[in-house]
Structures are given as C-alpha cells and as structure tokens.
C-alpha cells in the first residue's frame, strides 16, 4: 500500500470463518471492513455520511489483518485508559491476562468511551491526511483490534502498536483516537 497498490487482494468470503476477527480497508481504500466472530461489517463514505452493510462476503479488501479465535476470555478493566497511553495500557492488560504478546494479538473492548474519534476512508491518502468521513461518537461501543510491537508501518500506523476499528450504531470505521472509561470488558483469545 505504501507504493500505491490498493487493489483488492482478498475476497472476504474466502477468508472469513465463524471464528474470524479482522480489521482492514476495502479495495481502492474506498471504505473499512471489520469482522467480529465471523460477522462482516463494511462501511463506505457517501458525501458527509456513511453507508454501512453487513455480510458483504463478495467485498474485496486491500488490507486485512485477521485471526481465527475459537474462544474468548473476558477480563474486566477497572481503570480508565487514557487516549495518549492506549497502546501501552492494552499491552499491559494483555500481559496481565497471561497473553503472549510476542505475536500479533487480536482483542475486543466492549465498554464506554470518553473519546472515540474514527473515520471511514474514501480513497488513497497521504500520512496524516485521510480522505473520507470523520466521526466523534463517545459513549458505548465495541472496538476490535490487533496489538503488535512488530508490525509498525505494516498493519499499524507508524509510531503505533495497535490497529483498531469501531462497531457502533450499525456502522464501522477506523479508530483514530480513543479513551476508555473504567469498567470496560477486554476480550482476549483463550
């Protein structure tokens, strides 16, 4: 993608199972895709709005980070997570839950978010300048993501260790910034 290759590399129906978790961008960077427990959610920008769809097995992704997780374990997070310390807090919570973070690790956060800024991409963009629709929807939501200290610039943005999407109010998008209120549930692979 760094070289401008944004064509569809994979058809979602070919790689999604009932246990799949995934985040990515649709072909041509014309939208977002999030998969949780095999349920596909896509979103595309439409002017100032977002057109969401479910079950788009024929959709193609330019980028897709995926894993199959047959069973999850819930961990209650008693402390808030600050937006500026999100990656470090997720790493610590995963380690505290006994997860080996040497490999890329999928996770789900279900809770209330004091900050939840996200976007739906609409075409190729340069670093720091996203073309598409931006939203800020603090409140209850589910976020789906991957943590890795070894994939910076591969599937995480430079300087970040997470790639996170949101599922909220029938839509999905790429999370730019979030802060988690106390009491959220972190789901980790069992």
Protein backbone atom coordinates (compact mmCIF):
# COMPACT_ATOMS: atom_id res chain seq x y z
CA UNK A 1 0.00 0.00 0.00
CA UNK A 2 2.94 2.35 0.61
CA UNK A 3 3.67 2.10 -3.11
CA UNK A 4 0.07 2.86 -4.08
CA UNK A 5 -1.16 -0.73 -4.53
CA UNK A 6 -4.70 -0.50 -3.17
CA UNK A 7 -6.50 -3.01 -5.37
CA UNK A 8 -8.49 -5.81 -3.75
CA UNK A 9 -6.14 -8.54 -2.56
CA UNK A 10 -8.63 -10.84 -0.87
CA UNK A 11 -12.36 -11.58 -1.09
CA UNK A 12 -13.86 -11.57 2.40
CA UNK A 13 -15.99 -14.66 1.85
CA UNK A 14 -12.84 -16.64 1.04
CA UNK A 15 -11.15 -15.96 4.41
CA UNK A 16 -13.91 -15.39 6.97
CA UNK A 17 -14.97 -18.29 9.19
CA UNK A 18 -17.36 -18.25 12.17
CA UNK A 19 -14.33 -17.57 14.41
CA UNK A 20 -12.68 -14.79 12.36
CA UNK A 21 -11.76 -11.39 13.77
CA UNK A 22 -10.36 -8.89 11.28
CA UNK A 23 -9.80 -5.21 10.52
CA UNK A 24 -8.88 -3.65 7.21
CA UNK A 25 -9.57 -1.36 4.30
CA UNK A 26 -11.70 -2.13 1.28
CA UNK A 27 -10.31 -2.22 -2.26
CA UNK A 28 -9.22 1.16 -3.56
CA UNK A 29 -9.28 2.39 0.05
CA UNK A 30 -12.98 3.07 -0.55
CA UNK A 31 -14.16 2.02 2.90
CA UNK A 32 -13.50 -0.01 6.01
CA UNK A 33 -14.08 -3.62 6.99
CA UNK A 34 -14.41 -5.09 10.47
CA UNK A 35 -15.12 -8.74 11.26
CA UNK A 36 -16.06 -9.99 14.72
CA UNK A 37 -16.87 -13.65 15.35
CA UNK A 38 -17.36 -14.16 11.62
CA UNK A 39 -19.81 -11.28 11.16
CA UNK A 40 -18.66 -8.94 8.40
CA UNK A 41 -19.35 -5.20 8.71
CA UNK A 42 -18.33 -2.77 5.98
CA UNK A 43 -18.71 0.98 5.63
CA UNK A 44 -18.20 3.38 2.76
CA UNK A 45 -18.19 7.17 2.72
CA UNK A 46 -21.12 8.79 0.91
CA UNK A 47 -20.70 12.55 0.85
CA UNK A 48 -20.78 13.53 4.52
CA UNK A 49 -22.45 10.25 5.52
CA UNK A 50 -21.54 6.62 6.00
CA UNK A 51 -23.21 3.71 4.21
CA UNK A 52 -22.88 0.57 6.31
CA UNK A 53 -23.53 -3.02 5.27
CA UNK A 54 -23.38 -6.43 6.90
CA UNK A 55 -22.44 -9.78 5.42
CA UNK A 56 -20.66 -8.47 2.30
CA UNK A 57 -18.89 -11.74 1.52
CA UNK A 58 -18.15 -10.56 -2.03
CA UNK A 59 -16.35 -7.39 -0.86
CA UNK A 60 -12.62 -7.23 -1.53
CA UNK A 61 -10.02 -5.85 0.85
CA UNK A 62 -6.76 -4.08 0.01
CA UNK A 63 -5.57 -4.64 3.59
CA UNK A 64 -6.89 -7.24 6.01
CA UNK A 65 -5.41 -8.29 9.34
CA UNK A 66 -7.20 -11.41 10.53
CA UNK A 67 -7.11 -14.25 13.01
CA UNK A 68 -9.37 -17.12 13.97
CA UNK A 69 -10.27 -17.11 17.65
CA UNK A 70 -12.48 -20.09 18.57
CA UNK A 71 -12.90 -18.99 22.21
CA UNK A 72 -12.54 -15.72 24.11
CA UNK A 73 -11.87 -14.95 27.75
CA UNK A 74 -13.31 -11.79 29.31
CA UNK A 75 -11.15 -9.58 31.53
CA UNK A 76 -12.70 -6.66 33.42
CA UNK A 77 -10.69 -3.44 33.24
CA UNK A 78 -11.14 -1.49 36.46
CA UNK A 79 -9.08 1.56 35.47
CA UNK A 80 -9.64 4.11 32.73
CA UNK A 81 -7.36 4.08 29.70
CA UNK A 82 -6.11 7.47 28.57
CA UNK A 83 -6.01 8.21 24.84
CA UNK A 84 -2.30 9.04 24.89
CA UNK A 85 -1.41 5.79 26.67
CA UNK A 86 -3.76 3.42 24.83
CA UNK A 87 -1.15 1.14 23.23
CA UNK A 88 0.84 0.74 26.47
CA UNK A 89 -2.33 0.12 28.50
CA UNK A 90 -3.55 -2.55 26.07
CA UNK A 91 -0.14 -4.24 26.14
CA UNK A 92 -0.16 -4.24 29.96
CA UNK A 93 -3.73 -5.58 30.11
CA UNK A 94 -2.91 -8.34 27.64
CA UNK A 95 0.21 -9.31 29.63
CA UNK A 96 -1.78 -9.21 32.91
CA UNK A 97 -4.28 -11.58 31.28
CA UNK A 98 -1.45 -14.02 30.50
CA UNK A 99 -1.38 -13.35 26.76
CA UNK A 100 1.97 -13.79 25.00
CA UNK A 101 2.31 -10.50 23.11
CA UNK A 102 5.34 -11.64 21.11
CA UNK A 103 2.99 -12.29 18.18
CA UNK A 104 0.23 -10.08 16.80
CA UNK A 105 -2.70 -10.37 19.19
CA UNK A 106 -6.39 -9.78 18.44
CA UNK A 107 -8.55 -8.17 21.12
CA UNK A 108 -12.03 -6.73 21.64
CA UNK A 109 -13.03 -3.92 24.00
CA UNK A 110 -16.67 -3.55 24.98
CA UNK A 111 -17.43 -0.51 27.10
CA UNK A 112 -17.93 3.21 27.32
CA UNK A 113 -15.50 5.52 25.58
CA UNK A 114 -14.82 9.06 26.80
CA UNK A 115 -13.15 9.77 23.45
CA UNK A 116 -14.00 7.83 20.29
CA UNK A 117 -12.80 9.52 17.09
CA UNK A 118 -12.92 7.46 13.92
CA UNK A 119 -13.12 7.69 10.14
CA UNK A 120 -14.20 5.85 7.02
CA UNK A 121 -11.53 6.20 4.36
CA UNK A 122 -12.57 7.24 0.85
CA UNK A 123 -9.62 6.88 -1.47
CA UNK A 124 -5.84 6.91 -1.21
CA UNK A 125 -4.37 9.36 1.28
CA UNK A 126 -1.06 10.67 2.48
CA UNK A 127 0.26 10.24 6.01
CA UNK A 128 -1.77 12.36 8.39
CA UNK A 129 -4.36 13.37 5.77
CA UNK A 130 -7.28 10.96 5.49
CA UNK A 131 -9.85 11.47 2.74
CA UNK A 132 -13.28 10.35 3.86
CA UNK A 133 -15.80 10.88 6.61
CA UNK A 134 -14.78 11.61 10.20
CA UNK A 135 -16.92 10.92 13.27
CA UNK A 136 -16.67 11.52 17.00
CA UNK A 137 -19.09 9.30 18.92
CA UNK A 138 -18.16 8.99 22.60
CA UNK A 139 -20.31 6.56 24.55
CA UNK A 140 -21.00 2.83 24.43
CA UNK A 141 -19.36 0.87 21.62
CA UNK A 142 -17.32 -2.20 20.76
CA UNK A 143 -13.80 -1.85 19.37
CA UNK A 144 -11.99 -4.61 17.54
CA UNK A 145 -8.24 -4.55 17.14
CA UNK A 146 -4.82 -6.08 16.91
CA UNK A 147 -1.82 -5.33 19.09
CA UNK A 148 1.76 -5.80 17.87
CA UNK A 149 5.09 -4.16 18.61
CA UNK A 150 6.50 -5.81 15.46
CA UNK A 151 4.19 -4.57 12.68
CA UNK A 152 4.61 -0.79 12.81
CA UNK A 153 4.08 0.52 9.30
CA UNK A 154 2.88 -2.93 8.17
CA UNK A 155 -0.62 -3.05 9.62
CA UNK A 156 -0.32 -0.37 12.29
CA UNK A 157 0.44 3.28 11.60
CA UNK A 158 3.97 4.49 12.25
CA UNK A 159 4.50 5.11 15.97
CA UNK A 160 1.59 2.86 16.96
CA UNK A 161 1.27 -0.70 18.20
CA UNK A 162 -2.46 -1.14 17.59
CA UNK A 163 -4.84 -1.16 14.63
CA UNK A 164 -8.35 -0.61 15.97
CA UNK A 165 -11.82 -0.36 14.40
CA UNK A 166 -15.16 0.51 15.99
CA UNK A 167 -18.58 -1.10 15.71
CA UNK A 168 -21.16 1.49 16.76
CA UNK A 169 -24.75 2.29 15.81
CA UNK A 170 -24.76 -0.01 12.79
CA UNK A 171 -21.53 1.41 11.35
CA UNK A 172 -17.84 0.62 11.43
CA UNK A 173 -14.68 2.64 10.92
CA UNK A 174 -11.00 3.02 11.69
CA UNK A 175 -10.34 4.44 15.17
CA UNK A 176 -8.04 7.46 15.25
CA UNK A 177 -8.18 8.20 18.99
CA UNK A 178 -9.98 6.68 21.96
CA UNK A 179 -10.09 6.82 25.74
CA UNK A 180 -11.76 4.05 27.71
CA UNK A 181 -13.89 4.63 30.81
CA UNK A 182 -13.41 2.29 33.82
CA UNK A 183 -15.35 -0.97 33.76
CA UNK A 184 -14.80 -2.00 30.13
CA UNK A 185 -14.51 -5.66 29.21
CA UNK A 186 -11.38 -6.76 27.35
CA UNK A 187 -11.84 -9.98 25.37
CA UNK A 188 -8.62 -11.91 24.79
CA UNK A 189 -8.01 -15.21 22.97
CA UNK A 190 -8.46 -18.18 25.30
